[in-house]
Amino acid sequence: MPAIASLSVNDGQATPVAHTFAPQTTNGSLAKWADRSPSIPAGFRTISQEVAPPNGTRTVHRMTAGFNNPTVATVDGVDKVVRNSSAQVILNIHPDATLQERKDLLAYVSNFLADTTVKSSVYDLEPFY
């Protein structure tokens, strides 16, 4: 089991800037990190990961990663969150999946999100045709 530690994640700037997400909390199942650099706590960028084992209604391990990216602006002299973008990635892994199958799943998800055409779809808010 990995110990929670700070994460360094690059943003999408032309010259990427590394953002440090410091541990916020963990309970052995759900871990949360926050980039506390924005001016107000409501504007902190956050990452979370939850690992849930199979239970009576779910036959797979569910791993959920969440990303929250609020935008802070000064309105009438007060910093406030003016909008928010977020993402969630869910991996459902069967208990019998081999290490190689888990590696392949993670690689497919990572490489899909890194693909040029997928990036273009996100950047331009356009579906594939």
C-alpha atoms as a PDB file:
ATOM      1  CA  MET A   1       0.000   0.000   0.000  1.00  0.00           C
ATOM      2  CA  PRO A   2       1.567   3.328  -1.024  1.00  0.00           C
ATOM      3  CA  ALA A   3       1.895   6.031   1.613  1.00  0.00           C
ATOM      4  CA  ILE A   4       0.210   9.328   0.804  1.00  0.00           C
ATOM      5  CA  ALA A   5       2.733  11.980  -0.216  1.00  0.00           C
ATOM      6  CA  SER A   6       2.763  15.210  -2.193  1.00  0.00           C
ATOM      7  CA  LEU A   7       2.079  14.901  -5.920  1.00  0.00           C
ATOM      8  CA  SER A   8       3.728  17.079  -8.556  1.00  0.00           C
ATOM      9  CA  VAL A   9       1.469  17.475 -11.596  1.00  0.00           C
ATOM     10  CA  ASN A  10       2.160  19.675 -14.623  1.00  0.00           C
ATOM     11  CA  ASP A  11      -0.540  21.989 -15.974  1.00  0.00           C
ATOM     12  CA  GLY A  12      -1.347  22.474 -19.655  1.00  0.00           C
ATOM     13  CA  GLN A  13       0.509  25.765 -20.242  1.00  0.00           C
ATOM     14  CA  ALA A  14       2.694  26.156 -23.351  1.00  0.00           C
ATOM     15  CA  THR A  15       5.608  25.883 -20.922  1.00  0.00           C
ATOM     16  CA  PRO A  16       4.178  23.493 -18.321  1.00  0.00           C
ATOM     17  CA  VAL A  17       4.268  24.548 -14.688  1.00  0.00           C
ATOM     18  CA  ALA A  18       4.472  21.879 -11.990  1.00  0.00           C
ATOM     19  CA  HIS A  19       1.819  22.211  -9.290  1.00  0.00           C
ATOM     20  CA  THR A  20       2.292  20.581  -5.900  1.00  0.00           C
ATOM     21  CA  PHE A  21      -0.750  18.817  -4.510  1.00  0.00           C
ATOM     22  CA  ALA A  22      -0.129  18.289  -0.795  1.00  0.00           C
ATOM     23  CA  PRO A  23      -1.845  15.512   1.155  1.00  0.00           C
ATOM     24  CA  GLN A  24      -5.131  16.719   2.576  1.00  0.00           C
ATOM     25  CA  THR A  25      -6.614  13.570   4.080  1.00  0.00           C
ATOM     26  CA  THR A  26      -6.737   9.794   3.828  1.00  0.00           C
ATOM     27  CA  ASN A  27      -8.784   7.132   5.544  1.00  0.00           C
ATOM     28  CA  GLY A  28      -7.230   4.007   4.044  1.00  0.00           C
ATOM     29  CA  SER A  29      -9.708   3.957   1.144  1.00  0.00           C
ATOM     30  CA  LEU A  30     -10.097   7.578   0.014  1.00  0.00           C
ATOM     31  CA  ALA A  31      -7.123   9.919  -0.354  1.00  0.00           C
ATOM     32  CA  LYS A  32      -7.307  13.635  -1.162  1.00  0.00           C
ATOM     33  CA  TRP A  33      -4.651  16.142  -2.220  1.00  0.00           C
ATOM     34  CA  ALA A  34      -4.893  19.922  -2.662  1.00  0.00           C
ATOM     35  CA  ASP A  35      -2.925  22.565  -4.529  1.00  0.00           C
ATOM     36  CA  ARG A  36      -3.227  25.372  -2.024  1.00  0.00           C
ATOM     37  CA  SER A  37      -1.681  28.076  -4.234  1.00  0.00           C
ATOM     38  CA  PRO A  38      -4.939  29.871  -5.181  1.00  0.00           C
ATOM     39  CA  SER A  39      -5.841  32.845  -3.001  1.00  0.00           C
ATOM     40  CA  ILE A  40      -8.926  31.325  -1.330  1.00  0.00           C
ATOM     41  CA  PRO A  41      -9.612  27.807  -0.019  1.00  0.00           C
ATOM     42  CA  ALA A  42     -12.661  27.416  -2.298  1.00  0.00           C
ATOM     43  CA  GLY A  43     -10.229  27.852  -5.203  1.00  0.00           C
ATOM     44  CA  PHE A  44      -7.854  25.061  -4.196  1.00  0.00           C
ATOM     45  CA  ARG A  45      -7.395  22.531  -6.992  1.00  0.00           C
ATOM     46  CA  THR A  46      -7.934  19.004  -5.728  1.00  0.00           C
ATOM     47  CA  ILE A  47      -7.221  15.416  -6.682  1.00  0.00           C
ATOM     48  CA  SER A  48      -8.808  12.411  -5.026  1.00  0.00           C
ATOM     49  CA  GLN A  49      -8.453   8.673  -5.361  1.00  0.00           C
ATOM     50  CA  GLU A  50     -10.719   6.056  -3.848  1.00  0.00           C
ATOM     51  CA  VAL A  51     -10.105   2.317  -3.919  1.00  0.00           C
ATOM     52  CA  ALA A  52     -13.152   0.214  -3.083  1.00  0.00           C
ATOM     53  CA  PRO A  53     -12.988  -3.586  -2.986  1.00  0.00           C
ATOM     54  CA  PRO A  54     -15.766  -5.833  -4.283  1.00  0.00           C
ATOM     55  CA  ASN A  55     -18.811  -5.911  -2.024  1.00  0.00           C
ATOM     56  CA  GLY A  56     -22.241  -7.548  -2.019  1.00  0.00           C
ATOM     57  CA  THR A  57     -23.449  -5.585  -5.060  1.00  0.00           C
ATOM     58  CA  ARG A  58     -20.179  -4.940  -6.927  1.00  0.00           C
ATOM     59  CA  THR A  59     -17.977  -7.783  -8.162  1.00  0.00           C
ATOM     60  CA  VAL A  60     -14.992  -5.630  -9.139  1.00  0.00           C
ATOM     61  CA  HIS A  61     -12.447  -3.402  -7.443  1.00  0.00           C
ATOM     62  CA  ARG A  62     -13.472   0.177  -8.247  1.00  0.00           C
ATOM     63  CA  MET A  63     -10.735   2.796  -8.410  1.00  0.00           C
ATOM     64  CA  THR A  64     -12.030   6.335  -8.838  1.00  0.00           C
ATOM     65  CA  ALA A  65      -9.769   9.318  -9.479  1.00  0.00           C
ATOM     66  CA  GLY A  66     -11.318  12.776  -9.300  1.00  0.00           C
ATOM     67  CA  PHE A  67      -9.927  16.113 -10.423  1.00  0.00           C
ATOM     68  CA  ASN A  68     -11.396  19.501  -9.494  1.00  0.00           C
ATOM     69  CA  ASN A  69     -10.113  22.691 -11.133  1.00  0.00           C
ATOM     70  CA  PRO A  70     -11.897  25.850  -9.905  1.00  0.00           C
ATOM     71  CA  THR A  71     -11.158  29.229 -11.460  1.00  0.00           C
ATOM     72  CA  VAL A  72     -10.755  32.167  -9.083  1.00  0.00           C
ATOM     73  CA  ALA A  73     -11.293  35.763 -10.189  1.00  0.00           C
ATOM     74  CA  THR A  74     -11.581  39.067  -8.381  1.00  0.00           C
ATOM     75  CA  VAL A  75     -15.176  40.312  -8.570  1.00  0.00           C
ATOM     76  CA  ASP A  76     -15.987  43.651  -6.954  1.00  0.00           C
ATOM     77  CA  GLY A  77     -12.688  43.505  -5.074  1.00  0.00           C
ATOM     78  CA  VAL A  78     -13.307  40.004  -3.668  1.00  0.00           C
ATOM     79  CA  ASP A  79     -11.684  36.781  -4.822  1.00  0.00           C
ATOM     80  CA  LYS A  80     -14.297  34.147  -5.607  1.00  0.00           C
ATOM     81  CA  VAL A  81     -14.731  30.968  -7.634  1.00  0.00           C
ATOM     82  CA  VAL A  82     -16.340  31.954 -10.937  1.00  0.00           C
ATOM     83  CA  ARG A  83     -16.439  28.507 -12.579  1.00  0.00           C
ATOM     84  CA  ASN A  84     -15.236  24.977 -12.127  1.00  0.00           C
ATOM     85  CA  SER A  85     -14.062  22.188 -14.408  1.00  0.00           C
ATOM     86  CA  SER A  86     -13.717  18.624 -13.219  1.00  0.00           C
ATOM     87  CA  ALA A  87     -13.006  15.083 -14.353  1.00  0.00           C
ATOM     88  CA  GLN A  88     -13.503  11.606 -13.014  1.00  0.00           C
ATOM     89  CA  VAL A  89     -11.768   8.424 -14.123  1.00  0.00           C
ATOM     90  CA  ILE A  90     -13.175   5.091 -12.966  1.00  0.00           C
ATOM     91  CA  LEU A  91     -11.326   1.804 -13.312  1.00  0.00           C
ATOM     92  CA  ASN A  92     -13.296  -1.379 -12.669  1.00  0.00           C
ATOM     93  CA  ILE A  93     -10.872  -4.248 -12.160  1.00  0.00           C
ATOM     94  CA  HIS A  94     -11.958  -7.845 -11.740  1.00  0.00           C
ATOM     95  CA  PRO A  95     -10.342  -9.602  -8.745  1.00  0.00           C
ATOM     96  CA  ASP A  96      -8.886 -12.242 -11.109  1.00  0.00           C
ATOM     97  CA  ALA A  97      -7.206  -9.649 -13.384  1.00  0.00           C
ATOM     98  CA  THR A  98      -3.496 -10.278 -13.713  1.00  0.00           C
ATOM     99  CA  LEU A  99      -0.877  -7.622 -13.061  1.00  0.00           C
ATOM    100  CA  GLN A 100      -0.307  -7.393 -16.826  1.00  0.00           C
ATOM    101  CA  GLU A 101      -4.020  -6.864 -17.458  1.00  0.00           C
ATOM    102  CA  ARG A 102      -4.050  -4.049 -14.869  1.00  0.00           C
ATOM    103  CA  LYS A 103      -0.948  -2.504 -16.451  1.00  0.00           C
ATOM    104  CA  ASP A 104      -2.580  -2.705 -19.887  1.00  0.00           C
ATOM    105  CA  LEU A 105      -5.787  -1.040 -18.654  1.00  0.00           C
ATOM    106  CA  LEU A 106      -3.853   1.836 -17.093  1.00  0.00           C
ATOM    107  CA  ALA A 107      -1.746   2.222 -20.257  1.00  0.00           C
ATOM    108  CA  TYR A 108      -4.863   2.291 -22.481  1.00  0.00           C
ATOM    109  CA  VAL A 109      -6.481   4.988 -20.336  1.00  0.00           C
ATOM    110  CA  SER A 110      -3.282   7.067 -20.054  1.00  0.00           C
ATOM    111  CA  ASN A 111      -2.436   6.777 -23.745  1.00  0.00           C
ATOM    112  CA  PHE A 112      -6.016   7.498 -24.817  1.00  0.00           C
ATOM    113  CA  LEU A 113      -6.013  10.739 -22.824  1.00  0.00           C
ATOM    114  CA  ALA A 114      -2.585  11.634 -24.267  1.00  0.00           C
ATOM    115  CA  ASP A 115      -3.658  11.013 -27.885  1.00  0.00           C
ATOM    116  CA  THR A 116      -3.514  14.098 -30.125  1.00  0.00           C
ATOM    117  CA  THR A 117      -7.037  13.664 -31.507  1.00  0.00           C
ATOM    118  CA  VAL A 118      -8.516  13.171 -28.026  1.00  0.00           C
ATOM    119  CA  LYS A 119      -6.708  16.289 -26.824  1.00  0.00           C
ATOM    120  CA  SER A 120      -8.103  18.192 -29.812  1.00  0.00           C
ATOM    121  CA  SER A 121     -11.616  17.018 -28.969  1.00  0.00           C
ATOM    122  CA  VAL A 122     -11.215  18.307 -25.383  1.00  0.00           C
ATOM    123  CA  TYR A 123      -9.508  21.575 -26.367  1.00  0.00           C
ATOM    124  CA  ASP A 124     -12.064  22.408 -29.080  1.00  0.00           C
ATOM    125  CA  LEU A 125     -15.097  20.846 -27.343  1.00  0.00           C
ATOM    126  CA  GLU A 126     -15.851  18.849 -30.477  1.00  0.00           C
ATOM    127  CA  PRO A 127     -16.973  15.233 -30.828  1.00  0.00           C
ATOM    128  CA  PHE A 128     -15.449  12.759 -33.229  1.00  0.00           C
ATOM    129  CA  TYR A 129     -17.230  12.337 -36.565  1.00  0.00           C
END
